[in-house]
Amino acid sequence: MARGDAIFVDPTLSGSVMSELRITGVAVDVIRWPLKMKRRHGVGDIEASMPGAIVKIATNAGIVGWGEVAPWSVFTGTAEANATGIHHYLRPLLVGADPLKISTLMRQIEKTLVAHTEGKAAIETALLDIAGRHFGVPVAQLLGGTYRSHVPLSVSIANPDFEEDLAFATRLSADGINIFKVKTGFSSHKEDLRRLERLRSDLPSTVDLRVDYNQGLDPWDAIRLLKDIEAFHPTFIEQPVKREQRAAMAAITKAIDTPIMADESVFTPAEAIDMVRGEIADLVSIKIMKSGGIARAREIASIAEAAGIAAYGGTMFEGGLAIAAGLHMVAATPNISLGAEFYTSTWVMGVEILKTPIVIEKGSTRVPTGVGLGVEVDEDRVREISTAHFE
């Protein structure tokens, strides 16, 4: 088989080499990431540390797959709930199963445990990692092949100390990074305008600025405020109002010339259909942790593409495992064409759990090319930040 050929794992195959592979163990570590910087958003703040979880799935062939749970309690869920859900409800389902029957297992998982999308994403990631290692190909090949080898990098401006963030953006711009997404709505409108004005004046004129409110505006006042934001020519404005305020999203989309992106309003493929029917956004942010894994995330991308809606690769606060999974998804999904924020393992998390970190070069994040996720986990580092272990 040629290196560029795509491989699809058929979950219906039985009586073959695939059926001889079995899951022998599922381990979960609840972890506490130390953080290098503060982050402030319209929906909440983080500083000092952030909870998460790491999943390890072992097989009888000695192949091990890894996945990451990257929640945020104000956005999707908690690390503790996901780890407990995996250990008590999903581990019994997985042990003894064929890890290559990914579609079958994920369907069973969805029937077994409601919500817990980050935990489901971690399990699916680990299964794909196992499949890639078994077949000797990167995960992107399992998804249909690599459409792009590098993903344009978008870095968020979210530090409450704006001068520190401006200096950070200036350094990154000098290193070739050209996309910056400004978090707004956590302070006054006047302060948001001041920050945008400084960024426009201090950074090169070629910089691509985006704005993200993380649900930070009230519907009754949003259009008036966003018309002020348009003076700075952002590429898009993301999720100005609360996720359930879809009628307001639609009204804003019609009233504002700048494209409006849905993030929190679209977690599922069903919500993506609602987005299209209700014309609530021009663009959509796709996150593995929101949707419950790569398969569901790509369904959202396909629905959006059919409606002419381009997608952006969003993240939670993710370490290298989740970033690697996201890179493989974006690499194999043409419609996720607006870049991605795959930088948190490099500049936000205070501990690197990968033996070889994710590579950022020339304004883009490089898709790993090794088998499976293409990364190796430093288990000693995981133990250092583990606060609870289940297996």
Protein backbone atom coordinates (compact mmCIF):
# COMPACT_ATOMS: atom_id res chain seq x y z
CA MET A 1 0.00 0.00 0.00
CA ALA A 2 1.30 3.42 -0.96
CA ARG A 3 1.94 5.91 1.82
CA GLY A 4 -0.65 8.36 0.46
CA ASP A 5 -3.46 5.81 0.16
CA ALA A 6 -6.38 6.24 2.56
CA ILE A 7 -7.45 3.45 4.90
CA PHE A 8 -10.94 3.15 6.32
CA VAL A 9 -11.57 0.92 9.33
CA ASP A 10 -14.65 -1.23 8.60
CA PRO A 11 -16.41 -1.91 11.91
CA THR A 12 -18.43 -4.77 10.35
CA LEU A 13 -15.43 -6.97 9.62
CA SER A 14 -15.23 -10.17 11.65
CA GLY A 15 -13.29 -13.39 11.53
CA SER A 16 -10.21 -11.48 10.37
CA VAL A 17 -6.96 -10.26 11.84
CA MET A 18 -8.91 -7.33 13.31
CA SER A 19 -11.02 -9.59 15.48
CA GLU A 20 -7.92 -11.00 17.19
CA LEU A 21 -7.06 -7.63 18.75
CA ARG A 22 -8.66 -7.06 22.15
CA ILE A 23 -8.71 -4.25 24.70
CA THR A 24 -7.17 -5.48 27.94
CA GLY A 25 -7.23 -2.33 30.06
CA VAL A 26 -8.51 1.24 30.32
CA ALA A 27 -6.69 3.61 32.69
CA VAL A 28 -7.64 7.21 33.48
CA ASP A 29 -5.59 9.85 35.26
CA VAL A 30 -7.30 13.00 36.49
CA ILE A 31 -4.64 15.67 36.12
CA ARG A 32 -4.09 19.30 37.06
CA TRP A 33 -2.31 21.31 34.38
CA PRO A 34 -0.17 24.16 35.73
CA LEU A 35 -0.67 27.22 33.53
CA LYS A 36 1.90 29.70 32.25
CA MET A 37 -0.56 32.56 31.78
CA LYS A 38 -3.98 33.82 32.81
CA ARG A 39 -6.89 33.57 30.38
CA ARG A 40 -10.07 35.65 30.50
CA HIS A 41 -13.20 35.03 28.41
CA GLY A 42 -16.75 36.31 28.21
CA VAL A 43 -17.98 33.14 29.93
CA GLY A 44 -15.29 32.78 32.61
CA ASP A 45 -11.61 33.00 33.63
CA ILE A 46 -8.79 30.60 34.37
CA GLU A 47 -5.45 31.05 36.06
CA ALA A 48 -2.80 29.05 37.92
CA SER A 49 -4.09 25.58 36.95
CA MET A 50 -6.69 23.71 34.92
CA PRO A 51 -8.18 20.21 35.41
CA GLY A 52 -8.10 17.54 32.71
CA ALA A 53 -7.68 13.79 32.27
CA ILE A 54 -5.52 11.38 30.29
CA VAL A 55 -6.85 8.06 28.99
CA LYS A 56 -4.69 5.04 28.18
CA ILE A 57 -6.15 1.99 26.41
CA ALA A 58 -4.03 -1.18 26.33
CA THR A 59 -4.42 -4.20 24.04
CA ASN A 60 -3.36 -7.84 23.99
CA ALA A 61 -0.93 -7.05 21.15
CA GLY A 62 0.98 -4.54 23.25
CA ILE A 63 -0.38 -1.63 21.24
CA VAL A 64 -1.39 1.29 23.46
CA GLY A 65 -3.66 4.18 22.48
CA TRP A 66 -3.87 7.56 24.20
CA GLY A 67 -6.58 10.19 24.49
CA GLU A 68 -7.15 13.41 26.39
CA VAL A 69 -10.13 14.85 28.25
CA ALA A 70 -10.04 18.66 28.03
CA PRO A 71 -13.16 20.09 29.69
CA TRP A 72 -14.07 23.44 31.17
CA SER A 73 -16.76 23.45 33.82
CA VAL A 74 -18.43 26.61 32.45
CA PHE A 75 -18.40 25.34 28.87
CA THR A 76 -18.73 21.56 28.55
CA GLY A 77 -18.23 19.63 31.81
CA THR A 78 -15.68 18.59 34.42
CA ALA A 79 -12.62 16.37 34.37
CA GLU A 80 -13.78 14.50 37.45
CA ALA A 81 -17.20 13.63 35.97
CA ASN A 82 -15.63 12.47 32.71
CA ALA A 83 -13.01 10.32 34.45
CA THR A 84 -15.68 8.72 36.65
CA GLY A 85 -17.92 8.11 33.65
CA ILE A 86 -15.12 6.43 31.73
CA HIS A 87 -14.04 4.27 34.65
CA HIS A 88 -17.43 3.13 35.91
CA TYR A 89 -19.53 3.02 32.73
CA LEU A 90 -17.29 2.83 29.66
CA ARG A 91 -14.36 0.70 30.86
CA PRO A 92 -16.58 -2.42 31.36
CA LEU A 93 -17.94 -1.95 27.84
CA LEU A 94 -14.48 -1.57 26.32
CA VAL A 95 -12.44 -4.30 28.04
CA GLY A 96 -12.52 -7.41 25.88
CA ALA A 97 -13.78 -5.55 22.81
CA ASP A 98 -12.09 -5.25 19.42
CA PRO A 99 -10.57 -1.72 19.39
CA LEU A 100 -10.74 -1.57 15.59
CA LYS A 101 -14.55 -1.60 15.63
CA ILE A 102 -14.52 2.10 16.39
CA SER A 103 -17.93 3.01 14.95
CA THR A 104 -19.61 0.15 16.79
CA LEU A 105 -17.95 0.98 20.09
CA MET A 106 -18.71 4.69 19.84
CA ARG A 107 -22.38 3.95 19.10
CA GLN A 108 -22.50 1.71 22.18
CA ILE A 109 -20.78 4.40 24.23
CA GLU A 110 -23.35 7.01 23.18
CA LYS A 111 -26.14 4.66 24.28
CA THR A 112 -24.41 3.92 27.58
CA LEU A 113 -23.53 7.43 28.80
CA VAL A 114 -25.26 10.70 28.05
CA ALA A 115 -23.22 13.93 27.68
CA HIS A 116 -19.53 13.57 28.81
CA THR A 117 -18.45 14.61 25.32
CA GLU A 118 -14.83 15.16 26.34
CA GLY A 119 -14.55 11.63 27.74
CA LYS A 120 -16.08 10.19 24.59
CA ALA A 121 -13.63 12.21 22.51
CA ALA A 122 -10.72 10.84 24.54
CA ILE A 123 -11.89 7.24 24.07
CA GLU A 124 -12.35 7.69 20.34
CA THR A 125 -8.93 9.34 20.05
CA ALA A 126 -7.28 6.42 21.86
CA LEU A 127 -9.06 3.91 19.61
CA LEU A 128 -7.93 5.77 16.50
CA ASP A 129 -4.40 5.88 17.90
CA ILE A 130 -4.51 2.09 18.31
CA ALA A 131 -5.90 1.61 14.79
CA GLY A 132 -3.24 3.84 13.25
CA ARG A 133 -0.47 2.00 15.08
CA HIS A 134 -1.96 -1.37 14.10
CA PHE A 135 -2.11 -0.45 10.39
CA GLY A 136 1.14 1.54 10.47
CA VAL A 137 -0.39 4.85 9.30
CA PRO A 138 -1.22 8.26 10.81
CA VAL A 139 -4.73 8.86 12.10
CA ALA A 140 -5.32 11.33 9.25
CA GLN A 141 -5.00 8.41 6.82
CA LEU A 142 -7.77 6.58 8.66
CA LEU A 143 -9.94 9.66 8.11
CA GLY A 144 -9.45 9.68 4.34
CA GLY A 145 -5.97 11.05 3.87
CA THR A 146 -4.07 14.27 4.49
CA TYR A 147 -5.58 17.29 2.75
CA ARG A 148 -3.20 19.73 4.48
CA SER A 149 0.11 19.08 6.25
CA HIS A 150 0.17 22.38 8.17
CA VAL A 151 -2.70 24.25 9.82
CA PRO A 152 -2.59 28.09 9.95
CA LEU A 153 -2.25 29.04 13.61
CA SER A 154 -4.62 31.41 15.38
CA VAL A 155 -3.52 32.66 18.81
CA SER A 156 -6.01 34.12 21.29
CA ILE A 157 -5.46 37.47 22.98
CA ALA A 158 -7.04 36.71 26.36
CA ASN A 159 -4.68 37.81 29.11
CA PRO A 160 -6.26 40.29 31.55
CA ASP A 161 -2.86 42.03 31.51
CA PHE A 162 -3.23 43.45 28.01
CA GLU A 163 0.25 44.96 27.84
CA GLU A 164 1.71 41.53 28.50
CA ASP A 165 -0.52 40.04 25.80
CA LEU A 166 0.39 42.78 23.32
CA ALA A 167 4.10 42.08 23.84
CA PHE A 168 3.36 38.35 23.38
CA ALA A 169 1.48 39.02 20.12
CA THR A 170 4.27 41.28 18.87
CA ARG A 171 6.85 38.52 19.43
CA LEU A 172 4.67 35.94 17.70
CA SER A 173 4.00 38.24 14.77
CA ALA A 174 7.74 38.69 14.29
CA ASP A 175 8.01 34.88 14.20
CA GLY A 176 5.49 34.64 11.35
CA ILE A 177 2.18 34.15 13.14
CA ASN A 178 -0.44 36.27 11.42
CA ILE A 179 -3.80 35.34 13.01
CA PHE A 180 -4.91 36.66 16.39
CA LYS A 181 -8.32 36.16 17.98
CA VAL A 182 -9.20 38.83 20.53
CA LYS A 183 -11.33 37.72 23.48
CA THR A 184 -13.90 40.40 24.28
CA GLY A 185 -16.95 40.88 26.46
CA PHE A 186 -15.26 40.25 29.80
CA SER A 187 -14.55 43.94 30.42
CA SER A 188 -16.18 47.18 29.27
CA HIS A 189 -17.00 47.92 25.65
CA LYS A 190 -14.67 50.90 25.85
CA GLU A 191 -11.82 48.65 26.94
CA ASP A 192 -12.55 46.20 24.11
CA LEU A 193 -12.29 49.06 21.60
CA ARG A 194 -9.07 50.30 23.18
CA ARG A 195 -7.48 46.85 22.97
CA LEU A 196 -8.49 46.42 19.33
CA GLU A 197 -7.18 49.88 18.46
CA ARG A 198 -3.80 49.10 20.03
CA LEU A 199 -3.55 45.78 18.23
CA ARG A 200 -4.41 47.36 14.90
CA SER A 201 -1.88 50.18 15.43
CA ASP A 202 0.98 48.12 16.90
CA LEU A 203 0.82 44.93 14.81
CA PRO A 204 1.56 44.77 11.07
CA SER A 205 -1.31 45.83 8.80
CA THR A 206 -1.37 42.34 7.30
CA VAL A 207 -2.41 40.72 10.60
CA ASP A 208 -5.72 38.84 10.49
CA LEU A 209 -7.72 39.92 13.57
CA ARG A 210 -10.75 37.98 14.76
CA VAL A 211 -13.05 38.73 17.73
CA ASP A 212 -14.61 36.23 20.16
CA TYR A 213 -17.20 37.22 22.77
CA ASN A 214 -17.72 33.74 24.25
CA GLN A 215 -21.40 34.60 24.85
CA GLY A 216 -20.44 37.87 26.57
CA LEU A 217 -23.10 40.24 25.16
CA ASP A 218 -26.77 40.83 25.96
CA PRO A 219 -29.02 40.41 22.89
CA TRP A 220 -30.77 43.79 23.31
CA ASP A 221 -27.51 45.73 22.96
CA ALA A 222 -25.37 43.42 20.83
CA ILE A 223 -25.95 44.89 17.37
CA ARG A 224 -25.13 48.44 18.46
CA LEU A 225 -21.88 47.35 20.12
CA LEU A 226 -20.82 45.06 17.29
CA LYS A 227 -21.16 47.85 14.74
CA ASP A 228 -18.40 49.64 16.69
CA ILE A 229 -16.24 46.51 16.50
CA GLU A 230 -16.62 46.41 12.71
CA ALA A 231 -14.49 49.55 12.46
CA PHE A 232 -11.45 47.33 13.12
CA HIS A 233 -12.28 45.02 10.20
CA PRO A 234 -12.23 41.67 12.00
CA THR A 235 -12.38 38.57 9.80
CA PHE A 236 -15.24 37.29 11.95
CA ILE A 237 -17.02 37.85 15.26
CA GLU A 238 -17.55 34.68 17.28
CA GLN A 239 -20.52 33.75 19.49
CA PRO A 240 -21.63 37.21 20.66
CA VAL A 241 -24.58 35.97 22.79
CA LYS A 242 -25.49 32.91 24.85
CA ARG A 243 -25.66 29.56 23.09
CA GLU A 244 -29.44 29.14 23.43
CA GLN A 245 -30.20 32.64 22.12
CA ARG A 246 -30.41 31.47 18.54
CA ALA A 247 -33.00 34.03 17.43
CA ALA A 248 -30.60 36.76 18.58
CA MET A 249 -27.73 35.08 16.73
CA ALA A 250 -29.85 35.09 13.55
CA ALA A 251 -30.78 38.75 13.97
CA ILE A 252 -27.13 39.71 14.54
CA THR A 253 -26.01 37.70 11.52
CA LYS A 254 -28.49 39.58 9.32
CA ALA A 255 -27.64 43.00 10.75
CA ILE A 256 -23.85 42.85 10.83
CA ASP A 257 -21.66 42.89 7.70
CA THR A 258 -18.80 41.04 9.42
CA PRO A 259 -19.31 37.23 9.31
CA ILE A 260 -20.70 35.80 12.56
CA MET A 261 -19.29 32.51 13.83
CA ALA A 262 -21.23 30.04 15.98
CA ASP A 263 -19.27 28.22 18.67
CA GLU A 264 -21.23 27.42 21.82
CA SER A 265 -24.46 27.34 19.79
CA VAL A 266 -23.28 24.27 17.86
CA PHE A 267 -22.19 21.22 19.86
CA THR A 268 -23.85 18.48 17.80
CA PRO A 269 -24.70 17.62 14.19
CA ALA A 270 -28.37 18.27 15.04
CA GLU A 271 -27.47 21.76 16.22
CA ALA A 272 -25.49 22.25 13.01
CA ILE A 273 -28.67 21.51 11.06
CA ASP A 274 -30.50 24.06 13.23
CA MET A 275 -27.71 26.55 12.50
CA VAL A 276 -28.25 26.13 8.77
CA ARG A 277 -32.04 26.20 8.89
CA GLY A 278 -32.17 29.16 11.27
CA GLU A 279 -29.40 31.07 9.47
CA ILE A 280 -27.88 31.86 12.86
CA ALA A 281 -24.28 32.15 11.65
CA ASP A 282 -22.05 32.52 8.62
CA LEU A 283 -19.25 30.33 10.02
CA VAL A 284 -18.82 27.62 12.66
CA SER A 285 -16.16 26.67 15.20
CA ILE A 286 -15.62 22.91 15.46
CA LYS A 287 -14.12 21.34 18.58
CA ILE A 288 -13.58 17.66 19.27
CA MET A 289 -14.39 18.19 22.94
CA LYS A 290 -17.74 19.81 22.17
CA SER A 291 -18.92 17.19 19.72
CA GLY A 292 -17.72 14.05 21.48
CA GLY A 293 -14.99 13.08 19.06
CA ILE A 294 -13.60 13.39 15.56
CA ALA A 295 -16.42 11.51 13.81
CA ARG A 296 -19.17 13.78 15.15
CA ALA A 297 -17.01 16.87 14.58
CA ARG A 298 -16.56 15.93 10.93
CA GLU A 299 -20.32 15.41 10.58
CA ILE A 300 -20.72 19.04 11.66
CA ALA A 301 -18.08 20.07 9.12
CA SER A 302 -19.93 18.19 6.37
CA ILE A 303 -23.29 19.76 7.24
CA ALA A 304 -21.67 23.18 7.26
CA GLU A 305 -19.90 22.57 3.95
CA ALA A 306 -23.14 21.52 2.27
CA ALA A 307 -24.62 24.87 3.33
CA GLY A 308 -21.59 26.88 2.21
CA ILE A 309 -20.46 27.57 5.79
CA ALA A 310 -16.70 27.42 6.37
CA ALA A 311 -15.33 26.06 9.64
CA TYR A 312 -12.62 26.96 12.13
CA GLY A 313 -10.65 24.56 14.34
CA GLY A 314 -11.37 25.53 17.93
CA THR A 315 -9.95 24.06 21.11
CA MET A 316 -10.54 24.00 24.82
CA PHE A 317 -7.48 24.27 27.11
CA GLU A 318 -5.70 21.28 25.62
CA GLY A 319 -2.42 19.47 26.06
CA GLY A 320 -0.43 17.83 23.29
CA LEU A 321 -2.60 14.70 22.94
CA ALA A 322 -5.78 16.63 22.24
CA ILE A 323 -3.89 19.03 19.97
CA ALA A 324 -2.51 16.08 17.99
CA ALA A 325 -6.02 14.64 17.58
CA GLY A 326 -7.31 18.01 16.40
CA LEU A 327 -4.48 18.36 13.91
CA HIS A 328 -5.27 14.99 12.33
CA MET A 329 -8.95 15.95 12.08
CA VAL A 330 -8.24 19.31 10.44
CA ALA A 331 -5.61 17.73 8.18
CA ALA A 332 -8.23 15.36 6.74
CA THR A 333 -11.22 17.75 6.67
CA PRO A 334 -11.06 20.31 3.84
CA ASN A 335 -13.92 22.50 5.13
CA ILE A 336 -12.08 23.35 8.36
CA SER A 337 -10.33 26.03 6.35
CA LEU A 338 -10.10 29.07 8.65
CA GLY A 339 -7.09 27.95 10.66
CA ALA A 340 -7.06 26.60 14.21
CA GLU A 341 -5.91 27.54 17.69
CA PHE A 342 -3.55 24.61 18.23
CA TYR A 343 -1.09 26.36 20.51
CA THR A 344 -2.14 25.76 24.13
CA SER A 345 0.24 22.85 24.75
CA THR A 346 3.10 25.13 23.67
CA TRP A 347 2.34 28.46 25.36
CA VAL A 348 -0.39 27.92 27.97
CA MET A 349 0.15 24.56 29.66
CA GLY A 350 3.04 24.50 32.13
CA VAL A 351 3.90 20.82 31.65
CA GLU A 352 4.62 19.03 28.37
CA ILE A 353 3.50 15.38 28.48
CA LEU A 354 4.72 14.55 24.97
CA LYS A 355 8.26 13.30 24.48
CA THR A 356 8.45 15.44 21.33
CA PRO A 357 6.25 18.57 21.48
CA ILE A 358 3.84 19.68 18.77
CA VAL A 359 5.75 21.70 16.16
CA ILE A 360 4.82 25.32 15.33
CA GLU A 361 6.66 26.73 12.34
CA LYS A 362 6.20 29.63 9.91
CA GLY A 363 2.83 30.63 11.34
CA SER A 364 1.34 27.14 11.24
CA THR A 365 1.08 24.02 13.37
CA ARG A 366 2.56 20.93 11.74
CA VAL A 367 0.48 17.78 11.53
CA PRO A 368 2.35 14.82 13.11
CA THR A 369 3.35 12.25 10.50
CA GLY A 370 4.14 9.19 12.64
CA VAL A 371 1.81 6.22 13.07
CA GLY A 372 -1.37 6.70 15.09
CA LEU A 373 -1.47 10.16 16.59
CA GLY A 374 2.21 10.46 15.73
CA VAL A 375 3.19 11.38 19.29
CA GLU A 376 4.62 9.53 22.28
CA VAL A 377 3.53 10.16 25.87
CA ASP A 378 5.96 10.72 28.73
CA GLU A 379 4.17 8.71 31.42
CA ASP A 380 6.40 10.08 34.16
CA ARG A 381 5.14 13.58 33.35
CA VAL A 382 1.55 12.37 33.47
CA ARG A 383 2.16 10.89 36.93
CA GLU A 384 3.68 14.17 38.10
CA ILE A 385 0.45 16.09 37.45
CA SER A 386 -1.98 13.25 38.25
CA THR A 387 -4.35 13.84 41.18
CA ALA A 388 -6.27 10.55 40.88
CA HIS A 389 -5.73 7.29 38.99
CA PHE A 390 -8.39 4.76 37.89
CA GLU A 391 -7.92 1.42 36.15
